[in-house]
PDB file of N, CA and C in Angstrom:
ATOM      1  N   MET A   1      52.866 -16.036  46.589  1.00  0.00           N
ATOM      2  CA  MET A   1      52.830 -14.867  45.537  1.00  0.00           C
ATOM      3  C   MET A   1      50.516 -15.699  46.172  1.00  0.00           C
ATOM      4  N   GLU A   2      50.498 -16.708  46.110  1.00  0.00           N
ATOM      5  CA  GLU A   2      49.065 -17.035  46.240  1.00  0.00           C
ATOM      6  C   GLU A   2      48.450 -16.556  47.197  1.00  0.00           C
ATOM      7  N   TYR A   3      49.428 -16.678  48.766  1.00  0.00           N
ATOM      8  CA  TYR A   3      49.025 -16.058  49.857  1.00  0.00           C
ATOM      9  C   TYR A   3      49.092 -14.812  49.617  1.00  0.00           C
ATOM     10  N   LYS A   4      49.508 -13.648  48.944  1.00  0.00           N
ATOM     11  CA  LYS A   4      49.741 -12.353  48.748  1.00  0.00           C
ATOM     12  C   LYS A   4      48.143 -12.023  47.646  1.00  0.00           C
ATOM     13  N   ALA A   5      47.259 -13.154  47.112  1.00  0.00           N
ATOM     14  CA  ALA A   5      46.278 -12.837  46.520  1.00  0.00           C
ATOM     15  C   ALA A   5      45.221 -13.093  47.146  1.00  0.00           C
ATOM     16  N   TYR A   6      45.647 -14.256  48.211  1.00  0.00           N
ATOM     17  CA  TYR A   6      44.654 -14.268  49.631  1.00  0.00           C
ATOM     18  C   TYR A   6      44.470 -12.931  50.241  1.00  0.00           C
ATOM     19  N   TRP A   7      45.991 -12.120  50.422  1.00  0.00           N
ATOM     20  CA  TRP A   7      45.782 -11.095  51.273  1.00  0.00           C
ATOM     21  C   TRP A   7      44.691  -9.969  50.540  1.00  0.00           C
ATOM     22  N   ALA A   8      44.816  -9.943  49.124  1.00  0.00           N
ATOM     23  CA  ALA A   8      44.339  -8.745  48.606  1.00  0.00           C
ATOM     24  C   ALA A   8      42.935  -9.176  48.316  1.00  0.00           C
ATOM     25  N   LEU A   9      42.291 -10.167  47.826  1.00  0.00           N
ATOM     26  CA  LEU A   9      41.083 -10.271  48.113  1.00  0.00           C
ATOM     27  C   LEU A   9      39.918 -10.510  49.364  1.00  0.00           C
ATOM     28  N   LYS A  10      41.022 -10.770  50.636  1.00  0.00           N
ATOM     29  CA  LYS A  10      40.108 -10.366  51.893  1.00  0.00           C
ATOM     30  C   LYS A  10      40.607  -8.966  52.686  1.00  0.00           C
ATOM     31  N   PHE A  11      41.362  -7.943  52.094  1.00  0.00           N
ATOM     32  CA  PHE A  11      41.721  -6.856  52.035  1.00  0.00           C
ATOM     33  C   PHE A  11      40.508  -6.035  51.293  1.00  0.00           C
ATOM     34  N   LEU A  12      40.142  -6.083  49.803  1.00  0.00           N
ATOM     35  CA  LEU A  12      39.111  -5.550  49.177  1.00  0.00           C
ATOM     36  C   LEU A  12      38.012  -6.296  49.769  1.00  0.00           C
ATOM     37  N   ASN A  13      37.565  -7.107  49.541  1.00  0.00           N
ATOM     38  CA  ASN A  13      36.425  -7.562  50.663  1.00  0.00           C
ATOM     39  C   ASN A  13      36.446  -8.068  51.806  1.00  0.00           C
ATOM     40  N   PHE A  14      36.914  -6.586  52.709  1.00  0.00           N
ATOM     41  CA  PHE A  14      36.960  -6.936  53.730  1.00  0.00           C
ATOM     42  C   PHE A  14      35.849  -6.804  54.914  1.00  0.00           C
ATOM     43  N   HIS A  15      34.636  -5.867  54.390  1.00  0.00           N
ATOM     44  CA  HIS A  15      33.063  -5.737  54.538  1.00  0.00           C
ATOM     45  C   HIS A  15      32.712  -5.876  53.406  1.00  0.00           C
ATOM     46  N   GLU A  16      32.137  -7.575  53.969  1.00  0.00           N
ATOM     47  CA  GLU A  16      31.539  -8.405  52.889  1.00  0.00           C
ATOM     48  C   GLU A  16      30.032  -7.349  52.690  1.00  0.00           C
ATOM     49  N   THR A  17      29.315  -7.808  53.835  1.00  0.00           N
ATOM     50  CA  THR A  17      28.358  -6.881  53.752  1.00  0.00           C
ATOM     51  C   THR A  17      27.875  -5.668  53.457  1.00  0.00           C
ATOM     52  N   ALA A  18      29.013  -4.714  53.794  1.00  0.00           N
ATOM     53  CA  ALA A  18      28.721  -3.674  52.992  1.00  0.00           C
ATOM     54  C   ALA A  18      28.964  -3.305  51.465  1.00  0.00           C
ATOM     55  N   SER A  19      29.959  -4.016  51.013  1.00  0.00           N
ATOM     56  CA  SER A  19      30.091  -4.885  49.700  1.00  0.00           C
ATOM     57  C   SER A  19      29.090  -5.578  49.013  1.00  0.00           C
ATOM     58  N   ARG A  20      28.108  -6.109  49.390  1.00  0.00           N
ATOM     59  CA  ARG A  20      27.093  -6.772  49.250  1.00  0.00           C
ATOM     60  C   ARG A  20      25.826  -6.018  48.771  1.00  0.00           C
ATOM     61  N   GLU A  21      25.871  -4.537  49.876  1.00  0.00           N
ATOM     62  CA  GLU A  21      24.632  -3.984  50.321  1.00  0.00           C
ATOM     63  C   GLU A  21      24.917  -2.604  48.309  1.00  0.00           C
ATOM     64  N   GLN A  22      26.701  -2.642  48.725  1.00  0.00           N
ATOM     65  CA  GLN A  22      26.906  -1.706  47.629  1.00  0.00           C
ATOM     66  C   GLN A  22      26.698  -1.823  45.822  1.00  0.00           C
ATOM     67  N   ARG A  23      26.841  -3.753  45.807  1.00  0.00           N
ATOM     68  CA  ARG A  23      26.167  -4.153  44.319  1.00  0.00           C
ATOM     69  C   ARG A  23      24.885  -4.305  44.612  1.00  0.00           C
ATOM     70  N   SER A  24      24.051  -4.604  45.607  1.00  0.00           N
ATOM     71  CA  SER A  24      22.633  -4.658  45.245  1.00  0.00           C
ATOM     72  C   SER A  24      21.859  -3.378  44.750  1.00  0.00           C
ATOM     73  N   LEU A  25      22.491  -2.436  45.315  1.00  0.00           N
ATOM     74  CA  LEU A  25      22.528  -0.815  45.284  1.00  0.00           C
ATOM     75  C   LEU A  25      22.842  -0.150  43.709  1.00  0.00           C
ATOM     76  N   GLN A  26      24.101  -0.584  43.781  1.00  0.00           N
ATOM     77  CA  GLN A  26      24.475  -0.351  42.308  1.00  0.00           C
ATOM     78  C   GLN A  26      23.668  -1.188  40.805  1.00  0.00           C
ATOM     79  N   LEU A  27      22.975  -2.648  41.159  1.00  0.00           N
ATOM     80  CA  LEU A  27      21.599  -3.251  40.419  1.00  0.00           C
ATOM     81  C   LEU A  27      20.587  -2.579  40.537  1.00  0.00           C
ATOM     82  N   LEU A  28      19.867  -1.908  41.832  1.00  0.00           N
ATOM     83  CA  LEU A  28      18.913  -1.157  41.762  1.00  0.00           C
ATOM     84  C   LEU A  28      18.660  -0.072  40.874  1.00  0.00           C
ATOM     85  N   GLU A  29      20.236   0.895  40.850  1.00  0.00           N
ATOM     86  CA  GLU A  29      20.738   1.780  40.126  1.00  0.00           C
ATOM     87  C   GLU A  29      20.371   1.523  38.721  1.00  0.00           C
ATOM     88  N   LEU A  30      20.507   0.412  38.506  1.00  0.00           N
ATOM     89  CA  LEU A  30      21.169  -0.099  37.207  1.00  0.00           C
ATOM     90  C   LEU A  30      20.038  -0.258  36.339  1.00  0.00           C
ATOM     91  N   GLU A  31      18.159  -0.892  37.784  1.00  0.00           N
ATOM     92  CA  GLU A  31      17.342  -0.868  37.011  1.00  0.00           C
ATOM     93  C   GLU A  31      16.429   0.117  36.490  1.00  0.00           C
ATOM     94  N   GLU A  32      16.640   1.066  37.885  1.00  0.00           N
ATOM     95  CA  GLU A  32      15.982   2.226  37.106  1.00  0.00           C
ATOM     96  C   GLU A  32      16.539   2.901  36.471  1.00  0.00           C
ATOM     97  N   MET A  33      17.630   2.752  35.790  1.00  0.00           N
ATOM     98  CA  MET A  33      18.159   3.921  34.679  1.00  0.00           C
ATOM     99  C   MET A  33      17.616   2.972  33.624  1.00  0.00           C
ATOM    100  N   ARG A  34      17.321   1.367  33.529  1.00  0.00           N
ATOM    101  CA  ARG A  34      16.883   1.139  32.573  1.00  0.00           C
ATOM    102  C   ARG A  34      15.380   1.203  32.489  1.00  0.00           C
ATOM    103  N   LEU A  35      14.242   1.456  33.420  1.00  0.00           N
ATOM    104  CA  LEU A  35      13.101   1.767  33.371  1.00  0.00           C
ATOM    105  C   LEU A  35      12.669   3.167  32.607  1.00  0.00           C
ATOM    106  N   ILE A  36      13.694   4.002  33.655  1.00  0.00           N
ATOM    107  CA  ILE A  36      13.751   5.348  32.851  1.00  0.00           C
ATOM    108  C   ILE A  36      13.503   5.384  31.477  1.00  0.00           C
ATOM    109  N   ALA A  37      14.441   4.492  30.886  1.00  0.00           N
ATOM    110  CA  ALA A  37      14.717   4.542  29.449  1.00  0.00           C
ATOM    111  C   ALA A  37      13.581   4.081  28.703  1.00  0.00           C
ATOM    112  N   TYR A  38      13.494   2.767  29.240  1.00  0.00           N
ATOM    113  CA  TYR A  38      12.230   2.605  28.596  1.00  0.00           C
ATOM    114  C   TYR A  38      10.563   3.646  28.131  1.00  0.00           C
ATOM    115  N   GLU A  39      11.074   3.887  29.944  1.00  0.00           N
ATOM    116  CA  GLU A  39       9.405   5.237  29.906  1.00  0.00           C
ATOM    117  C   GLU A  39       9.399   6.102  28.675  1.00  0.00           C
ATOM    118  N   SER A  40      10.737   6.806  29.084  1.00  0.00           N
ATOM    119  CA  SER A  40      11.311   8.396  27.869  1.00  0.00           C
ATOM    120  C   SER A  40      10.917   7.247  26.147  1.00  0.00           C
ATOM    121  N   SER A  41      11.630   6.303  26.233  1.00  0.00           N
ATOM    122  CA  SER A  41      11.253   5.381  24.649  1.00  0.00           C
ATOM    123  C   SER A  41       9.995   5.432  24.436  1.00  0.00           C
ATOM    124  N   LYS A  42       8.907   5.213  25.437  1.00  0.00           N
ATOM    125  CA  LYS A  42       7.459   4.540  25.622  1.00  0.00           C
ATOM    126  C   LYS A  42       6.784   6.456  24.918  1.00  0.00           C
ATOM    127  N   LEU A  43       7.011   7.483  25.680  1.00  0.00           N
ATOM    128  CA  LEU A  43       6.582   8.721  25.344  1.00  0.00           C
ATOM    129  C   LEU A  43       7.218   8.948  23.881  1.00  0.00           C
ATOM    130  N   TYR A  44       7.995   9.113  24.071  1.00  0.00           N
ATOM    131  CA  TYR A  44       8.642   8.853  22.179  1.00  0.00           C
ATOM    132  C   TYR A  44       8.124   8.586  21.072  1.00  0.00           C
ATOM    133  N   LYS A  45       7.693   6.846  21.608  1.00  0.00           N
ATOM    134  CA  LYS A  45       6.933   6.772  20.184  1.00  0.00           C
ATOM    135  C   LYS A  45       5.463   7.351  20.133  1.00  0.00           C
ATOM    136  N   GLU A  46       4.797   7.495  21.182  1.00  0.00           N
ATOM    137  CA  GLU A  46       3.431   8.165  21.600  1.00  0.00           C
ATOM    138  C   GLU A  46       3.968   9.654  20.893  1.00  0.00           C
ATOM    139  N   ARG A  47       4.378   9.995  21.072  1.00  0.00           N
ATOM    140  CA  ARG A  47       4.692  11.636  20.877  1.00  0.00           C
ATOM    141  C   ARG A  47       4.557  11.265  18.673  1.00  0.00           C
ATOM    142  N   ALA A  48       5.536  10.440  18.496  1.00  0.00           N
ATOM    143  CA  ALA A  48       5.655  10.194  17.399  1.00  0.00           C
ATOM    144  C   ALA A  48       4.676   9.954  16.614  1.00  0.00           C
ATOM    145  N   LYS A  49       3.746   8.775  17.303  1.00  0.00           N
ATOM    146  CA  LYS A  49       2.805   8.363  16.562  1.00  0.00           C
ATOM    147  C   LYS A  49       1.528   9.562  16.277  1.00  0.00           C
ATOM    148  N   LYS A  50       1.495  10.472  17.586  1.00  0.00           N
ATOM    149  CA  LYS A  50       0.442  11.556  17.795  1.00  0.00           C
ATOM    150  C   LYS A  50       0.634  12.268  16.626  1.00  0.00           C
ATOM    151  N   TYR A  51       1.963  13.017  16.564  1.00  0.00           N
ATOM    152  CA  TYR A  51       2.413  13.621  15.436  1.00  0.00           C
ATOM    153  C   TYR A  51       1.704  13.084  13.541  1.00  0.00           C
ATOM    154  N   HIS A  52       2.613  11.337  13.313  1.00  0.00           N
ATOM    155  CA  HIS A  52       1.676  10.865  12.089  1.00  0.00           C
ATOM    156  C   HIS A  52       0.713  11.070  11.831  1.00  0.00           C
ATOM    157  N   ASP A  53      -0.105  11.117  12.609  1.00  0.00           N
ATOM    158  CA  ASP A  53      -2.188  10.430  12.548  1.00  0.00           C
ATOM    159  C   ASP A  53      -2.611  11.567  12.688  1.00  0.00           C
ATOM    160  N   LYS A  54      -1.557  12.709  13.255  1.00  0.00           N
ATOM    161  CA  LYS A  54      -2.146  14.223  12.703  1.00  0.00           C
ATOM    162  C   LYS A  54      -2.725  14.440  11.048  1.00  0.00           C
ATOM    163  N   LYS A  55      -1.364  13.990  10.823  1.00  0.00           N
ATOM    164  CA  LYS A  55      -0.997  14.536   9.218  1.00  0.00           C
ATOM    165  C   LYS A  55      -1.712  13.183   8.263  1.00  0.00           C
ATOM    166  N   LEU A  56      -2.349  12.451   9.102  1.00  0.00           N
ATOM    167  CA  LEU A  56      -3.248  11.386   7.806  1.00  0.00           C
ATOM    168  C   LEU A  56      -4.448  12.233   7.552  1.00  0.00           C
ATOM    169  N   LEU A  57      -5.208  12.259   6.059  1.00  0.00           N
ATOM    170  CA  LEU A  57      -6.494  12.531   6.044  1.00  0.00           C
ATOM    171  C   LEU A  57      -7.269  11.311   6.158  1.00  0.00           C
ATOM    172  N   LYS A  58      -8.694  12.048   7.213  1.00  0.00           N
ATOM    173  CA  LYS A  58      -9.891  10.601   6.640  1.00  0.00           C
ATOM    174  C   LYS A  58     -10.227  10.873   5.467  1.00  0.00           C
ATOM    175  N   LYS A  59     -10.462   9.732   4.396  1.00  0.00           N
ATOM    176  CA  LYS A  59     -10.964  10.100   2.940  1.00  0.00           C
ATOM    177  C   LYS A  59     -12.389   9.421   3.501  1.00  0.00           C
ATOM    178  N   ASP A  60     -13.513   9.578   3.216  1.00  0.00           N
ATOM    179  CA  ASP A  60     -14.923   8.986   3.049  1.00  0.00           C
ATOM    180  C   ASP A  60     -14.966   8.536   1.438  1.00  0.00           C
ATOM    181  N   PHE A  61     -15.415   7.680   1.350  1.00  0.00           N
ATOM    182  CA  PHE A  61     -16.185   7.402   0.198  1.00  0.00           C
ATOM    183  C   PHE A  61     -17.355   6.838  -0.270  1.00  0.00           C
ATOM    184  N   HIS A  62     -17.603   7.280  -1.319  1.00  0.00           N
ATOM    185  CA  HIS A  62     -19.305   7.218  -1.381  1.00  0.00           C
ATOM    186  C   HIS A  62     -19.516   6.383  -2.965  1.00  0.00           C
ATOM    187  N   PRO A  63     -21.107   6.292  -3.248  1.00  0.00           N
ATOM    188  CA  PRO A  63     -20.969   5.028  -3.969  1.00  0.00           C
ATOM    189  C   PRO A  63     -21.164   6.418  -5.266  1.00  0.00           C
ATOM    190  N   ARG A  64     -20.434   5.568  -6.713  1.00  0.00           N
ATOM    191  CA  ARG A  64     -21.071   6.656  -7.534  1.00  0.00           C
ATOM    192  C   ARG A  64     -19.380   7.687  -7.758  1.00  0.00           C
ATOM    193  N   GLN A  65     -18.658   7.385  -6.798  1.00  0.00           N
ATOM    194  CA  GLN A  65     -17.469   8.696  -6.593  1.00  0.00           C
ATOM    195  C   GLN A  65     -16.677   7.578  -8.161  1.00  0.00           C
ATOM    196  N   GLN A  66     -15.371   8.527  -8.399  1.00  0.00           N
ATOM    197  CA  GLN A  66     -14.747   7.747  -9.493  1.00  0.00           C
ATOM    198  C   GLN A  66     -13.229   8.151  -8.571  1.00  0.00           C
ATOM    199  N   VAL A  67     -12.568   7.034  -8.723  1.00  0.00           N
ATOM    200  CA  VAL A  67     -11.358   6.968  -7.420  1.00  0.00           C
ATOM    201  C   VAL A  67     -10.301   6.192  -8.844  1.00  0.00           C
ATOM    202  N   LEU A  68      -8.900   6.641  -8.510  1.00  0.00           N
ATOM    203  CA  LEU A  68      -7.970   5.833  -8.904  1.00  0.00           C
ATOM    204  C   LEU A  68      -6.850   4.691  -8.161  1.00  0.00           C
ATOM    205  N   LEU A  69      -6.929   3.409  -9.006  1.00  0.00           N
ATOM    206  CA  LEU A  69      -6.419   2.579  -7.960  1.00  0.00           C
ATOM    207  C   LEU A  69      -4.603   1.768  -8.463  1.00  0.00           C
ATOM    208  N   PHE A  70      -4.112   2.025  -6.935  1.00  0.00           N
ATOM    209  CA  PHE A  70      -2.674   2.057  -6.745  1.00  0.00           C
ATOM    210  C   PHE A  70      -2.972   0.777  -6.860  1.00  0.00           C
ATOM    211  N   ASN A  71      -1.616   0.350  -7.936  1.00  0.00           N
ATOM    212  CA  ASN A  71      -1.022  -0.822  -7.886  1.00  0.00           C
ATOM    213  C   ASN A  71       0.103  -0.971  -7.412  1.00  0.00           C
ATOM    214  N   SER A  72       0.090  -1.938  -6.067  1.00  0.00           N
ATOM    215  CA  SER A  72       1.292  -2.444  -4.810  1.00  0.00           C
ATOM    216  C   SER A  72       1.606  -3.331  -5.131  1.00  0.00           C
ATOM    217  N   ARG A  73       1.225  -4.234  -6.103  1.00  0.00           N
ATOM    218  CA  ARG A  73       2.061  -5.486  -6.602  1.00  0.00           C
ATOM    219  C   ARG A  73       3.278  -5.483  -7.514  1.00  0.00           C
ATOM    220  N   LEU A  74       2.822  -4.234  -8.226  1.00  0.00           N
ATOM    221  CA  LEU A  74       3.958  -4.010  -9.411  1.00  0.00           C
ATOM    222  C   LEU A  74       4.893  -3.312  -8.938  1.00  0.00           C
ATOM    223  N   LYS A  75       5.973  -4.064  -8.699  1.00  0.00           N
ATOM    224  CA  LYS A  75       7.128  -4.304  -8.435  1.00  0.00           C
ATOM    225  C   LYS A  75       8.304  -3.199  -9.368  1.00  0.00           C
ATOM    226  N   LEU A  76       8.525  -4.456 -10.334  1.00  0.00           N
ATOM    227  CA  LEU A  76       9.136  -3.707 -11.623  1.00  0.00           C
ATOM    228  C   LEU A  76       8.522  -3.183 -12.800  1.00  0.00           C
ATOM    229  N   PHE A  77       8.643  -2.273 -13.237  1.00  0.00           N
ATOM    230  CA  PHE A  77       8.682  -1.134 -14.154  1.00  0.00           C
ATOM    231  C   PHE A  77       9.383  -1.587 -15.704  1.00  0.00           C
ATOM    232  N   PRO A  78       8.337  -2.110 -16.513  1.00  0.00           N
ATOM    233  CA  PRO A  78       9.644  -2.116 -17.685  1.00  0.00           C
ATOM    234  C   PRO A  78       9.593  -0.569 -18.717  1.00  0.00           C
ATOM    235  N   GLY A  79       9.504   0.142 -17.797  1.00  0.00           N
ATOM    236  CA  GLY A  79       9.367   1.623 -18.403  1.00  0.00           C
ATOM    237  C   GLY A  79       9.607   2.754 -17.099  1.00  0.00           C
ATOM    238  N   LYS A  80      10.659   3.916 -16.883  1.00  0.00           N
ATOM    239  CA  LYS A  80      10.630   4.289 -15.873  1.00  0.00           C
ATOM    240  C   LYS A  80       9.040   5.298 -15.119  1.00  0.00           C
ATOM    241  N   LEU A  81       9.051   5.731 -16.638  1.00  0.00           N
ATOM    242  CA  LEU A  81       7.061   6.235 -16.252  1.00  0.00           C
ATOM    243  C   LEU A  81       6.411   5.823 -16.441  1.00  0.00           C
ATOM    244  N   LYS A  82       6.317   4.540 -16.444  1.00  0.00           N
ATOM    245  CA  LYS A  82       5.362   3.687 -16.383  1.00  0.00           C
ATOM    246  C   LYS A  82       4.513   3.873 -15.056  1.00  0.00           C
ATOM    247  N   SER A  83       3.476   4.413 -14.610  1.00  0.00           N
ATOM    248  CA  SER A  83       2.019   5.057 -13.806  1.00  0.00           C
ATOM    249  C   SER A  83       1.936   3.699 -12.946  1.00  0.00           C
ATOM    250  N   LYS A  84       2.213   3.765 -11.585  1.00  0.00           N
ATOM    251  CA  LYS A  84       1.460   2.363 -10.583  1.00  0.00           C
ATOM    252  C   LYS A  84       0.162   2.863 -10.427  1.00  0.00           C
ATOM    253  N   TRP A  85      -0.365   4.135 -11.061  1.00  0.00           N
ATOM    254  CA  TRP A  85      -1.818   3.803 -10.615  1.00  0.00           C
ATOM    255  C   TRP A  85      -2.902   3.544 -12.071  1.00  0.00           C
ATOM    256  N   SER A  86      -4.090   2.849 -11.431  1.00  0.00           N
ATOM    257  CA  SER A  86      -5.075   2.845 -13.241  1.00  0.00           C
ATOM    258  C   SER A  86      -5.832   3.224 -12.558  1.00  0.00           C
ATOM    259  N   GLY A  87      -6.616   3.234 -13.293  1.00  0.00           N
ATOM    260  CA  GLY A  87      -8.295   3.522 -13.291  1.00  0.00           C
ATOM    261  C   GLY A  87      -8.691   4.934 -14.282  1.00  0.00           C
ATOM    262  N   PRO A  88      -9.734   5.661 -13.850  1.00  0.00           N
ATOM    263  CA  PRO A  88     -10.238   5.549 -13.021  1.00  0.00           C
ATOM    264  C   PRO A  88     -11.431   4.586 -12.631  1.00  0.00           C
ATOM    265  N   PHE A  89     -11.846   3.953 -11.895  1.00  0.00           N
ATOM    266  CA  PHE A  89     -12.539   3.039 -11.519  1.00  0.00           C
ATOM    267  C   PHE A  89     -13.804   3.963 -10.622  1.00  0.00           C
ATOM    268  N   THR A  90     -14.653   3.473 -10.827  1.00  0.00           N
ATOM    269  CA  THR A  90     -15.896   3.871  -9.845  1.00  0.00           C
ATOM    270  C   THR A  90     -16.604   2.789  -8.560  1.00  0.00           C
ATOM    271  N   ILE A  91     -16.745   3.751  -7.593  1.00  0.00           N
ATOM    272  CA  ILE A  91     -17.311   3.098  -6.562  1.00  0.00           C
ATOM    273  C   ILE A  91     -18.913   2.905  -6.772  1.00  0.00           C
ATOM    274  N   LYS A  92     -18.996   0.849  -6.032  1.00  0.00           N
ATOM    275  CA  LYS A  92     -20.514   0.740  -6.408  1.00  0.00           C
ATOM    276  C   LYS A  92     -21.062   0.728  -4.994  1.00  0.00           C
ATOM    277  N   LYS A  93     -20.114   0.341  -4.259  1.00  0.00           N
ATOM    278  CA  LYS A  93     -20.732  -0.125  -2.915  1.00  0.00           C
ATOM    279  C   LYS A  93     -19.260  -0.022  -1.942  1.00  0.00           C
ATOM    280  N   VAL A  94     -20.238   0.712  -0.982  1.00  0.00           N
ATOM    281  CA  VAL A  94     -19.010   0.615   0.752  1.00  0.00           C
ATOM    282  C   VAL A  94     -19.377  -0.429   1.686  1.00  0.00           C
ATOM    283  N   ARG A  95     -18.284  -0.888   1.509  1.00  0.00           N
ATOM    284  CA  ARG A  95     -18.698  -1.927   2.637  1.00  0.00           C
ATOM    285  C   ARG A  95     -18.009  -1.905   4.165  1.00  0.00           C
ATOM    286  N   PRO A  96     -17.796  -2.536   4.903  1.00  0.00           N
ATOM    287  CA  PRO A  96     -18.021  -2.231   6.317  1.00  0.00           C
ATOM    288  C   PRO A  96     -16.113  -2.513   6.853  1.00  0.00           C
ATOM    289  N   TYR A  97     -15.420  -1.808   7.560  1.00  0.00           N
ATOM    290  CA  TYR A  97     -14.037  -1.997   8.010  1.00  0.00           C
ATOM    291  C   TYR A  97     -13.908  -2.094   6.668  1.00  0.00           C
ATOM    292  N   GLY A  98     -13.755  -0.691   6.183  1.00  0.00           N
ATOM    293  CA  GLY A  98     -12.834  -0.565   5.086  1.00  0.00           C
ATOM    294  C   GLY A  98     -12.835  -1.584   4.046  1.00  0.00           C
ATOM    295  N   ALA A  99     -13.575  -1.799   3.093  1.00  0.00           N
ATOM    296  CA  ALA A  99     -13.813  -2.292   1.717  1.00  0.00           C
ATOM    297  C   ALA A  99     -14.117  -1.786   1.208  1.00  0.00           C
ATOM    298  N   VAL A 100     -13.790  -1.918  -0.100  1.00  0.00           N
ATOM    299  CA  VAL A 100     -15.214  -0.781  -1.319  1.00  0.00           C
ATOM    300  C   VAL A 100     -14.932  -1.544  -2.602  1.00  0.00           C
ATOM    301  N   GLU A 101     -16.119  -1.926  -2.759  1.00  0.00           N
ATOM    302  CA  GLU A 101     -16.404  -2.918  -3.768  1.00  0.00           C
ATOM    303  C   GLU A 101     -16.076  -1.630  -5.638  1.00  0.00           C
ATOM    304  N   LEU A 102     -15.179  -2.212  -6.268  1.00  0.00           N
ATOM    305  CA  LEU A 102     -14.726  -1.036  -7.646  1.00  0.00           C
ATOM    306  C   LEU A 102     -15.696  -1.744  -8.902  1.00  0.00           C
ATOM    307  N   CYS A 103     -16.131  -0.934  -9.924  1.00  0.00           N
ATOM    308  CA  CYS A 103     -16.474  -1.442 -11.109  1.00  0.00           C
ATOM    309  C   CYS A 103     -15.796  -0.621 -11.787  1.00  0.00           C
ATOM    310  N   ASP A 104     -15.547  -0.994 -13.360  1.00  0.00           N
ATOM    311  CA  ASP A 104     -14.854  -0.772 -14.366  1.00  0.00           C
ATOM    312  C   ASP A 104     -16.373  -0.190 -14.809  1.00  0.00           C
ATOM    313  N   PRO A 105     -16.497   1.550 -15.353  1.00  0.00           N
ATOM    314  CA  PRO A 105     -17.286   1.736 -16.089  1.00  0.00           C
ATOM    315  C   PRO A 105     -16.846   2.162 -17.865  1.00  0.00           C
ATOM    316  N   GLN A 106     -15.512   1.475 -18.345  1.00  0.00           N
ATOM    317  CA  GLN A 106     -15.152   1.470 -19.380  1.00  0.00           C
ATOM    318  C   GLN A 106     -15.526   0.069 -19.607  1.00  0.00           C
ATOM    319  N   SER A 107     -15.884  -1.353 -19.617  1.00  0.00           N
ATOM    320  CA  SER A 107     -16.091  -2.869 -18.991  1.00  0.00           C
ATOM    321  C   SER A 107     -16.864  -2.673 -19.743  1.00  0.00           C
ATOM    322  N   LYS A 108     -16.430  -3.991 -20.631  1.00  0.00           N
ATOM    323  CA  LYS A 108     -18.037  -4.784 -21.402  1.00  0.00           C
ATOM    324  C   LYS A 108     -18.693  -5.538 -20.721  1.00  0.00           C
ATOM    325  N   ASP A 109     -18.792  -5.295 -19.347  1.00  0.00           N
ATOM    326  CA  ASP A 109     -19.100  -6.933 -18.573  1.00  0.00           C
ATOM    327  C   ASP A 109     -19.499  -5.527 -17.034  1.00  0.00           C
ATOM    328  N   PRO A 110     -20.890  -4.994 -17.622  1.00  0.00           N
ATOM    329  CA  PRO A 110     -20.934  -4.389 -16.166  1.00  0.00           C
ATOM    330  C   PRO A 110     -21.552  -4.662 -15.151  1.00  0.00           C
ATOM    331  N   ASP A 111     -20.915  -6.292 -14.834  1.00  0.00           N
ATOM    332  CA  ASP A 111     -21.769  -6.670 -12.988  1.00  0.00           C
ATOM    333  C   ASP A 111     -19.792  -6.981 -13.382  1.00  0.00           C
ATOM    334  N   ARG A 112     -19.136  -6.644 -13.532  1.00  0.00           N
ATOM    335  CA  ARG A 112     -17.737  -7.535 -13.139  1.00  0.00           C
ATOM    336  C   ARG A 112     -16.675  -6.377 -12.089  1.00  0.00           C
ATOM    337  N   THR A 113     -17.330  -6.821 -10.602  1.00  0.00           N
ATOM    338  CA  THR A 113     -16.489  -5.772  -9.662  1.00  0.00           C
ATOM    339  C   THR A 113     -15.376  -6.909  -8.903  1.00  0.00           C
ATOM    340  N   TRP A 114     -14.625  -5.986  -8.094  1.00  0.00           N
ATOM    341  CA  TRP A 114     -14.186  -6.734  -7.108  1.00  0.00           C
ATOM    342  C   TRP A 114     -13.903  -5.349  -6.485  1.00  0.00           C
ATOM    343  N   VAL A 115     -13.289  -6.165  -4.555  1.00  0.00           N
ATOM    344  CA  VAL A 115     -13.427  -5.934  -3.417  1.00  0.00           C
ATOM    345  C   VAL A 115     -11.554  -5.269  -3.041  1.00  0.00           C
ATOM    346  N   VAL A 116     -11.869  -4.070  -2.991  1.00  0.00           N
ATOM    347  CA  VAL A 116     -10.714  -3.928  -2.586  1.00  0.00           C
ATOM    348  C   VAL A 116     -10.432  -3.073  -0.877  1.00  0.00           C
ATOM    349  N   ASN A 117      -9.372  -2.739  -0.793  1.00  0.00           N
ATOM    350  CA  ASN A 117      -9.094  -2.237   0.520  1.00  0.00           C
ATOM    351  C   ASN A 117      -9.024  -0.083   0.472  1.00  0.00           C
ATOM    352  N   GLU A 118     -10.001   0.333   1.076  1.00  0.00           N
ATOM    353  CA  GLU A 118      -9.744   1.207   0.411  1.00  0.00           C
ATOM    354  C   GLU A 118      -8.970   2.674   0.501  1.00  0.00           C
ATOM    355  N   HIS A 119      -7.683   1.597   1.484  1.00  0.00           N
ATOM    356  CA  HIS A 119      -6.587   2.629   1.612  1.00  0.00           C
ATOM    357  C   HIS A 119      -5.547   2.031   0.400  1.00  0.00           C
ATOM    358  N   GLY A 120      -5.819   1.394  -0.432  1.00  0.00           N
ATOM    359  CA  GLY A 120      -5.265   0.327  -1.475  1.00  0.00           C
ATOM    360  C   GLY A 120      -6.065   0.627  -2.862  1.00  0.00           C
TER     361      GLY A 120
END
């Protein structure tokens, strides 16, 4: 039995160099398929990002403009119909890099302001 196993192994791997080359070609083909899949995934992500960015609207904020503030920290609502939006607030100052300084026109303290991200 052991002799037949060695014989079968020798018969199947008779051409050691040919089988080695075939294995290396198969590995190269596998690597090429992986690179093609990576490239197509990259192209898909770029197209999806371009489509998503096309749908976004650029908003320019100016001082004395009235805005609503979205409360993203409010996760649990006591009632279903409670709004996540609060306001209106007045923009006091537009800072660089997307920061906006808001003030509440109905507040008793006119100097009470806070800075928020213009997307928040």
